Amino acid sequence: MDVINAKEVQVGDEVFVIYNNPHVPTVSNVRAAEVVQHPKDPNAVALFLNDTFHTIEDDDALFSSEAAAEQAYSNFINDQLT
């Protein structure tokens, strides 16, 4: 899998994430996000996703391609079903 180390992203990078719908907890989608300067911390970066800034956490999975994120999601779902 093409997982990106969250500590190695830079402003301007495009990454893909598995985004859980906050309104429907059982629905997740693969979304593109841009790495941007954190709006409140000049020494940090954040994800800009769905017109919202998201702090990048250590346990966030960032992928280099949409296909890699979809494969990780598929693997996770298949593991849950077995």
PDB file of N, CA and C in Angstrom:
ATOM      1  N   MET A   1       0.828  -1.186   0.000  1.00  0.00           N
ATOM      2  CA  MET A   1       0.000   0.000   0.000  1.00  0.00           C
ATOM      3  C   MET A   1       0.871   1.248   0.000  1.00  0.00           C
ATOM      4  N   ASP A   2       0.379   2.258  -0.628  1.00  0.00           N
ATOM      5  CA  ASP A   2       1.120   3.506  -0.732  1.00  0.00           C
ATOM      6  C   ASP A   2       0.695   4.460   0.382  1.00  0.00           C
ATOM      7  N   VAL A   3       1.036   4.087   1.628  1.00  0.00           N
ATOM      8  CA  VAL A   3       0.704   4.926   2.779  1.00  0.00           C
ATOM      9  C   VAL A   3       1.808   5.965   2.940  1.00  0.00           C
ATOM     10  N   ILE A   4       1.397   7.193   3.197  1.00  0.00           N
ATOM     11  CA  ILE A   4       2.334   8.297   3.369  1.00  0.00           C
ATOM     12  C   ILE A   4       2.514   8.555   4.857  1.00  0.00           C
ATOM     13  N   ASN A   5       3.747   8.759   5.262  1.00  0.00           N
ATOM     14  CA  ASN A   5       4.026   9.131   6.646  1.00  0.00           C
ATOM     15  C   ASN A   5       3.515  10.551   6.864  1.00  0.00           C
ATOM     16  N   ALA A   6       2.610  10.704   7.822  1.00  0.00           N
ATOM     17  CA  ALA A   6       1.991  12.012   8.082  1.00  0.00           C
ATOM     18  C   ALA A   6       3.013  13.082   8.453  1.00  0.00           C
ATOM     19  N   LYS A   7       4.158  12.682   8.962  1.00  0.00           N
ATOM     20  CA  LYS A   7       5.192  13.645   9.348  1.00  0.00           C
ATOM     21  C   LYS A   7       6.009  14.125   8.142  1.00  0.00           C
ATOM     22  N   GLU A   8       5.809  13.499   6.987  1.00  0.00           N
ATOM     23  CA  GLU A   8       6.597  13.843   5.808  1.00  0.00           C
ATOM     24  C   GLU A   8       5.822  14.637   4.752  1.00  0.00           C
ATOM     25  N   VAL A   9       4.560  14.940   5.013  1.00  0.00           N
ATOM     26  CA  VAL A   9       3.793  15.696   4.025  1.00  0.00           C
ATOM     27  C   VAL A   9       4.197  17.162   4.054  1.00  0.00           C
ATOM     28  N   GLN A  10       4.003  17.813   2.922  1.00  0.00           N
ATOM     29  CA  GLN A  10       4.357  19.221   2.798  1.00  0.00           C
ATOM     30  C   GLN A  10       3.184  19.984   2.204  1.00  0.00           C
ATOM     31  N   VAL A  11       3.150  21.276   2.481  1.00  0.00           N
ATOM     32  CA  VAL A  11       2.111  22.133   1.932  1.00  0.00           C
ATOM     33  C   VAL A  11       2.080  21.965   0.417  1.00  0.00           C
ATOM     34  N   GLY A  12       0.888  21.768  -0.104  1.00  0.00           N
ATOM     35  CA  GLY A  12       0.710  21.593  -1.541  1.00  0.00           C
ATOM     36  C   GLY A  12       0.544  20.151  -1.965  1.00  0.00           C
ATOM     37  N   ASP A  13       0.891  19.199  -1.102  1.00  0.00           N
ATOM     38  CA  ASP A  13       0.725  17.784  -1.438  1.00  0.00           C
ATOM     39  C   ASP A  13      -0.755  17.443  -1.530  1.00  0.00           C
ATOM     40  N   GLU A  14      -1.090  16.580  -2.463  1.00  0.00           N
ATOM     41  CA  GLU A  14      -2.437  16.013  -2.520  1.00  0.00           C
ATOM     42  C   GLU A  14      -2.351  14.606  -1.964  1.00  0.00           C
ATOM     43  N   VAL A  15      -3.228  14.286  -1.046  1.00  0.00           N
ATOM     44  CA  VAL A  15      -3.280  12.956  -0.453  1.00  0.00           C
ATOM     45  C   VAL A  15      -4.715  12.456  -0.544  1.00  0.00           C
ATOM     46  N   PHE A  16      -4.885  11.183  -0.302  1.00  0.00           N
ATOM     47  CA  PHE A  16      -6.217  10.582  -0.297  1.00  0.00           C
ATOM     48  C   PHE A  16      -6.456   9.967   1.071  1.00  0.00           C
ATOM     49  N   VAL A  17      -7.667  10.133   1.563  1.00  0.00           N
ATOM     50  CA  VAL A  17      -8.025   9.631   2.885  1.00  0.00           C
ATOM     51  C   VAL A  17      -9.335   8.865   2.804  1.00  0.00           C
ATOM     52  N   ILE A  18      -9.549   8.004   3.789  1.00  0.00           N
ATOM     53  CA  ILE A  18     -10.844   7.349   3.948  1.00  0.00           C
ATOM     54  C   ILE A  18     -11.589   8.202   4.951  1.00  0.00           C
ATOM     55  N   TYR A  19     -12.633   8.830   4.483  1.00  0.00           N
ATOM     56  CA  TYR A  19     -13.362   9.819   5.279  1.00  0.00           C
ATOM     57  C   TYR A  19     -14.674   9.223   5.755  1.00  0.00           C
ATOM     58  N   ASN A  20     -14.868   9.195   7.059  1.00  0.00           N
ATOM     59  CA  ASN A  20     -16.119   8.715   7.629  1.00  0.00           C
ATOM     60  C   ASN A  20     -17.131   9.846   7.648  1.00  0.00           C
ATOM     61  N   ASN A  21     -18.305   9.591   7.122  1.00  0.00           N
ATOM     62  CA  ASN A  21     -19.370  10.580   7.087  1.00  0.00           C
ATOM     63  C   ASN A  21     -19.836  10.861   8.518  1.00  0.00           C
ATOM     64  N   PRO A  22     -19.729  12.089   8.990  1.00  0.00           N
ATOM     65  CA  PRO A  22     -20.113  12.378  10.377  1.00  0.00           C
ATOM     66  C   PRO A  22     -21.621  12.279  10.616  1.00  0.00           C
ATOM     67  N   HIS A  23     -22.409  12.309   9.553  1.00  0.00           N
ATOM     68  CA  HIS A  23     -23.857  12.249   9.699  1.00  0.00           C
ATOM     69  C   HIS A  23     -24.400  10.826   9.602  1.00  0.00           C
ATOM     70  N   VAL A  24     -23.633   9.959   8.935  1.00  0.00           N
ATOM     71  CA  VAL A  24     -24.025   8.560   8.784  1.00  0.00           C
ATOM     72  C   VAL A  24     -22.786   7.717   9.119  1.00  0.00           C
ATOM     73  N   PRO A  25     -22.627   7.309  10.368  1.00  0.00           N
ATOM     74  CA  PRO A  25     -21.392   6.656  10.812  1.00  0.00           C
ATOM     75  C   PRO A  25     -21.013   5.389  10.056  1.00  0.00           C
ATOM     76  N   THR A  26     -21.958   4.751   9.400  1.00  0.00           N
ATOM     77  CA  THR A  26     -21.642   3.517   8.677  1.00  0.00           C
ATOM     78  C   THR A  26     -21.206   3.763   7.232  1.00  0.00           C
ATOM     79  N   VAL A  27     -21.093   5.023   6.838  1.00  0.00           N
ATOM     80  CA  VAL A  27     -20.718   5.360   5.462  1.00  0.00           C
ATOM     81  C   VAL A  27     -19.330   6.001   5.445  1.00  0.00           C
ATOM     82  N   SER A  28     -18.461   5.447   4.624  1.00  0.00           N
ATOM     83  CA  SER A  28     -17.124   6.007   4.435  1.00  0.00           C
ATOM     84  C   SER A  28     -16.862   6.148   2.941  1.00  0.00           C
ATOM     85  N   ASN A  29     -16.050   7.134   2.601  1.00  0.00           N
ATOM     86  CA  ASN A  29     -15.692   7.390   1.203  1.00  0.00           C
ATOM     87  C   ASN A  29     -14.215   7.723   1.117  1.00  0.00           C
ATOM     88  N   VAL A  30     -13.638   7.447  -0.048  1.00  0.00           N
ATOM     89  CA  VAL A  30     -12.270   7.877  -0.317  1.00  0.00           C
ATOM     90  C   VAL A  30     -12.371   9.287  -0.882  1.00  0.00           C
ATOM     91  N   ARG A  31     -11.599  10.201  -0.315  1.00  0.00           N
ATOM     92  CA  ARG A  31     -11.635  11.605  -0.723  1.00  0.00           C
ATOM     93  C   ARG A  31     -10.208  12.123  -0.936  1.00  0.00           C
ATOM     94  N   ALA A  32     -10.073  13.027  -1.879  1.00  0.00           N
ATOM     95  CA  ALA A  32      -8.817  13.739  -2.064  1.00  0.00           C
ATOM     96  C   ALA A  32      -8.783  14.892  -1.073  1.00  0.00           C
ATOM     97  N   ALA A  33      -7.608  15.155  -0.527  1.00  0.00           N
ATOM     98  CA  ALA A  33      -7.424  16.276   0.399  1.00  0.00           C
ATOM     99  C   ALA A  33      -6.106  16.955   0.062  1.00  0.00           C
ATOM    100  N   GLU A  34      -6.045  18.237   0.337  1.00  0.00           N
ATOM    101  CA  GLU A  34      -4.809  18.994   0.110  1.00  0.00           C
ATOM    102  C   GLU A  34      -4.148  19.285   1.446  1.00  0.00           C
ATOM    103  N   VAL A  35      -2.831  19.151   1.477  1.00  0.00           N
ATOM    104  CA  VAL A  35      -2.074  19.525   2.665  1.00  0.00           C
ATOM    105  C   VAL A  35      -1.839  21.030   2.581  1.00  0.00           C
ATOM    106  N   VAL A  36      -2.250  21.742   3.634  1.00  0.00           N
ATOM    107  CA  VAL A  36      -2.148  23.207   3.676  1.00  0.00           C
ATOM    108  C   VAL A  36      -1.504  23.642   4.988  1.00  0.00           C
ATOM    109  N   GLN A  37      -1.117  24.899   5.023  1.00  0.00           N
ATOM    110  CA  GLN A  37      -0.607  25.472   6.275  1.00  0.00           C
ATOM    111  C   GLN A  37      -1.730  25.467   7.303  1.00  0.00           C
ATOM    112  N   HIS A  38      -1.434  25.018   8.504  1.00  0.00           N
ATOM    113  CA  HIS A  38      -2.447  25.004   9.561  1.00  0.00           C
ATOM    114  C   HIS A  38      -2.881  26.441   9.825  1.00  0.00           C
ATOM    115  N   PRO A  39      -4.188  26.704   9.879  1.00  0.00           N
ATOM    116  CA  PRO A  39      -4.646  28.092  10.010  1.00  0.00           C
ATOM    117  C   PRO A  39      -4.330  28.745  11.357  1.00  0.00           C
ATOM    118  N   LYS A  40      -4.045  27.942  12.391  1.00  0.00           N
ATOM    119  CA  LYS A  40      -3.781  28.521  13.709  1.00  0.00           C
ATOM    120  C   LYS A  40      -2.381  28.246  14.232  1.00  0.00           C
ATOM    121  N   ASP A  41      -1.633  27.374  13.563  1.00  0.00           N
ATOM    122  CA  ASP A  41      -0.288  27.017  14.013  1.00  0.00           C
ATOM    123  C   ASP A  41       0.676  27.120  12.834  1.00  0.00           C
ATOM    124  N   PRO A  42       1.495  28.164  12.785  1.00  0.00           N
ATOM    125  CA  PRO A  42       2.391  28.355  11.641  1.00  0.00           C
ATOM    126  C   PRO A  42       3.464  27.271  11.512  1.00  0.00           C
ATOM    127  N   ASN A  43       3.636  26.448  12.550  1.00  0.00           N
ATOM    128  CA  ASN A  43       4.633  25.382  12.505  1.00  0.00           C
ATOM    129  C   ASN A  43       4.036  24.026  12.144  1.00  0.00           C
ATOM    130  N   ALA A  44       2.776  24.003  11.741  1.00  0.00           N
ATOM    131  CA  ALA A  44       2.105  22.740  11.453  1.00  0.00           C
ATOM    132  C   ALA A  44       1.361  22.815  10.122  1.00  0.00           C
ATOM    133  N   VAL A  45       1.002  21.642   9.633  1.00  0.00           N
ATOM    134  CA  VAL A  45       0.177  21.547   8.435  1.00  0.00           C
ATOM    135  C   VAL A  45      -1.152  20.894   8.816  1.00  0.00           C
ATOM    136  N   ALA A  46      -2.116  21.013   7.928  1.00  0.00           N
ATOM    137  CA  ALA A  46      -3.437  20.424   8.148  1.00  0.00           C
ATOM    138  C   ALA A  46      -3.943  19.908   6.807  1.00  0.00           C
ATOM    139  N   LEU A  47      -5.014  19.126   6.866  1.00  0.00           N
ATOM    140  CA  LEU A  47      -5.684  18.695   5.648  1.00  0.00           C
ATOM    141  C   LEU A  47      -6.837  19.639   5.366  1.00  0.00           C
ATOM    142  N   PHE A  48      -7.007  19.993   4.113  1.00  0.00           N
ATOM    143  CA  PHE A  48      -8.169  20.760   3.698  1.00  0.00           C
ATOM    144  C   PHE A  48      -9.053  19.792   2.939  1.00  0.00           C
ATOM    145  N   LEU A  49     -10.190  19.465   3.552  1.00  0.00           N
ATOM    146  CA  LEU A  49     -11.076  18.434   3.040  1.00  0.00           C
ATOM    147  C   LEU A  49     -12.513  18.880   3.252  1.00  0.00           C
ATOM    148  N   ASN A  50     -13.317  18.812   2.204  1.00  0.00           N
ATOM    149  CA  ASN A  50     -14.721  19.224   2.293  1.00  0.00           C
ATOM    150  C   ASN A  50     -14.858  20.645   2.836  1.00  0.00           C
ATOM    151  N   ASP A  51     -14.017  21.546   2.357  1.00  0.00           N
ATOM    152  CA  ASP A  51     -14.045  22.958   2.763  1.00  0.00           C
ATOM    153  C   ASP A  51     -13.805  23.171   4.251  1.00  0.00           C
ATOM    154  N   THR A  52     -13.081  22.249   4.874  1.00  0.00           N
ATOM    155  CA  THR A  52     -12.803  22.313   6.305  1.00  0.00           C
ATOM    156  C   THR A  52     -11.350  21.938   6.551  1.00  0.00           C
ATOM    157  N   PHE A  53     -10.732  22.575   7.546  1.00  0.00           N
ATOM    158  CA  PHE A  53      -9.383  22.211   7.955  1.00  0.00           C
ATOM    159  C   PHE A  53      -9.462  21.072   8.965  1.00  0.00           C
ATOM    160  N   HIS A  54      -8.593  20.075   8.797  1.00  0.00           N
ATOM    161  CA  HIS A  54      -8.526  18.943   9.710  1.00  0.00           C
ATOM    162  C   HIS A  54      -7.088  18.793  10.189  1.00  0.00           C
ATOM    163  N   THR A  55      -6.901  18.759  11.476  1.00  0.00           N
ATOM    164  CA  THR A  55      -5.571  18.512  12.030  1.00  0.00           C
ATOM    165  C   THR A  55      -5.141  17.101  11.658  1.00  0.00           C
ATOM    166  N   ILE A  56      -3.909  16.945  11.260  1.00  0.00           N
ATOM    167  CA  ILE A  56      -3.389  15.620  10.924  1.00  0.00           C
ATOM    168  C   ILE A  56      -2.935  14.956  12.223  1.00  0.00           C
ATOM    169  N   GLU A  57      -3.551  13.831  12.524  1.00  0.00           N
ATOM    170  CA  GLU A  57      -3.231  13.067  13.732  1.00  0.00           C
ATOM    171  C   GLU A  57      -2.243  11.961  13.389  1.00  0.00           C
ATOM    172  N   ASP A  58      -1.528  11.469  14.408  1.00  0.00           N
ATOM    173  CA  ASP A  58      -0.536  10.414  14.185  1.00  0.00           C
ATOM    174  C   ASP A  58      -1.147   9.134  13.621  1.00  0.00           C
ATOM    175  N   ASP A  59      -2.390   8.866  13.952  1.00  0.00           N
ATOM    176  CA  ASP A  59      -3.004   7.622  13.488  1.00  0.00           C
ATOM    177  C   ASP A  59      -3.813   7.781  12.195  1.00  0.00           C
ATOM    178  N   ASP A  60      -3.746   8.952  11.559  1.00  0.00           N
ATOM    179  CA  ASP A  60      -4.425   9.140  10.281  1.00  0.00           C
ATOM    180  C   ASP A  60      -3.681   8.366   9.192  1.00  0.00           C
ATOM    181  N   ALA A  61      -4.452   7.744   8.314  1.00  0.00           N
ATOM    182  CA  ALA A  61      -3.866   7.040   7.175  1.00  0.00           C
ATOM    183  C   ALA A  61      -3.997   7.935   5.953  1.00  0.00           C
ATOM    184  N   LEU A  62      -2.875   8.330   5.415  1.00  0.00           N
ATOM    185  CA  LEU A  62      -2.819   9.163   4.218  1.00  0.00           C
ATOM    186  C   LEU A  62      -2.252   8.305   3.090  1.00  0.00           C
ATOM    187  N   PHE A  63      -2.882   8.370   1.926  1.00  0.00           N
ATOM    188  CA  PHE A  63      -2.471   7.534   0.806  1.00  0.00           C
ATOM    189  C   PHE A  63      -2.035   8.403  -0.365  1.00  0.00           C
ATOM    190  N   SER A  64      -1.125   7.869  -1.165  1.00  0.00           N
ATOM    191  CA  SER A  64      -0.591   8.632  -2.293  1.00  0.00           C
ATOM    192  C   SER A  64      -1.487   8.572  -3.516  1.00  0.00           C
ATOM    193  N   SER A  65      -2.441   7.651  -3.540  1.00  0.00           N
ATOM    194  CA  SER A  65      -3.337   7.557  -4.683  1.00  0.00           C
ATOM    195  C   SER A  65      -4.726   7.125  -4.235  1.00  0.00           C
ATOM    196  N   GLU A  66      -5.686   7.438  -5.063  1.00  0.00           N
ATOM    197  CA  GLU A  66      -7.061   7.030  -4.778  1.00  0.00           C
ATOM    198  C   GLU A  66      -7.165   5.509  -4.783  1.00  0.00           C
ATOM    199  N   ALA A  67      -6.471   4.866  -5.707  1.00  0.00           N
ATOM    200  CA  ALA A  67      -6.510   3.408  -5.801  1.00  0.00           C
ATOM    201  C   ALA A  67      -5.956   2.753  -4.531  1.00  0.00           C
ATOM    202  N   ALA A  68      -4.887   3.309  -3.981  1.00  0.00           N
ATOM    203  CA  ALA A  68      -4.308   2.755  -2.755  1.00  0.00           C
ATOM    204  C   ALA A  68      -5.271   2.897  -1.583  1.00  0.00           C
ATOM    205  N   ALA A  69      -5.947   4.030  -1.492  1.00  0.00           N
ATOM    206  CA  ALA A  69      -6.918   4.234  -0.413  1.00  0.00           C
ATOM    207  C   ALA A  69      -8.097   3.287  -0.575  1.00  0.00           C
ATOM    208  N   GLU A  70      -8.580   3.115  -1.798  1.00  0.00           N
ATOM    209  CA  GLU A  70      -9.697   2.203  -2.035  1.00  0.00           C
ATOM    210  C   GLU A  70      -9.310   0.767  -1.713  1.00  0.00           C
ATOM    211  N   GLN A  71      -8.078   0.377  -2.041  1.00  0.00           N
ATOM    212  CA  GLN A  71      -7.610  -0.977  -1.735  1.00  0.00           C
ATOM    213  C   GLN A  71      -7.522  -1.189  -0.226  1.00  0.00           C
ATOM    214  N   ALA A  72      -7.022  -0.197   0.500  1.00  0.00           N
ATOM    215  CA  ALA A  72      -6.932  -0.303   1.964  1.00  0.00           C
ATOM    216  C   ALA A  72      -8.323  -0.420   2.574  1.00  0.00           C
ATOM    217  N   TYR A  73      -9.256   0.353   2.062  1.00  0.00           N
ATOM    218  CA  TYR A  73     -10.633   0.305   2.557  1.00  0.00           C
ATOM    219  C   TYR A  73     -11.243  -1.063   2.273  1.00  0.00           C
ATOM    220  N   SER A  74     -11.048  -1.559   1.076  1.00  0.00           N
ATOM    221  CA  SER A  74     -11.565  -2.876   0.700  1.00  0.00           C
ATOM    222  C   SER A  74     -10.969  -3.969   1.586  1.00  0.00           C
ATOM    223  N   ASN A  75      -9.658  -3.899   1.815  1.00  0.00           N
ATOM    224  CA  ASN A  75      -9.005  -4.879   2.687  1.00  0.00           C
ATOM    225  C   ASN A  75      -9.573  -4.824   4.100  1.00  0.00           C
ATOM    226  N   PHE A  76      -9.802  -3.632   4.607  1.00  0.00           N
ATOM    227  CA  PHE A  76     -10.355  -3.472   5.949  1.00  0.00           C
ATOM    228  C   PHE A  76     -11.747  -4.088   6.038  1.00  0.00           C
ATOM    229  N   ILE A  77     -12.601  -3.787   5.064  1.00  0.00           N
ATOM    230  CA  ILE A  77     -13.962  -4.328   5.063  1.00  0.00           C
ATOM    231  C   ILE A  77     -13.936  -5.852   4.956  1.00  0.00           C
ATOM    232  N   ASN A  78     -13.090  -6.374   4.083  1.00  0.00           N
ATOM    233  CA  ASN A  78     -12.998  -7.838   3.931  1.00  0.00           C
ATOM    234  C   ASN A  78     -12.519  -8.486   5.217  1.00  0.00           C
ATOM    235  N   ASP A  79     -11.580  -7.856   5.921  1.00  0.00           N
ATOM    236  CA  ASP A  79     -11.091  -8.402   7.198  1.00  0.00           C
ATOM    237  C   ASP A  79     -12.205  -8.396   8.240  1.00  0.00           C
ATOM    238  N   GLN A  80     -13.069  -7.385   8.199  1.00  0.00           N
ATOM    239  CA  GLN A  80     -14.168  -7.294   9.162  1.00  0.00           C
ATOM    240  C   GLN A  80     -15.224  -8.371   8.914  1.00  0.00           C
ATOM    241  N   LEU A  81     -15.351  -8.795   7.666  1.00  0.00           N
ATOM    242  CA  LEU A  81     -16.366  -9.777   7.308  1.00  0.00           C
ATOM    243  C   LEU A  81     -15.919 -11.212   7.546  1.00  0.00           C
ATOM    244  N   THR A  82     -14.632 -11.421   7.729  1.00  0.00           N
ATOM    245  CA  THR A  82     -14.139 -12.796   7.938  1.00  0.00           C
ATOM    246  C   THR A  82     -13.836 -13.063   9.391  1.00  0.00           C
TER     247      THR A  82
END
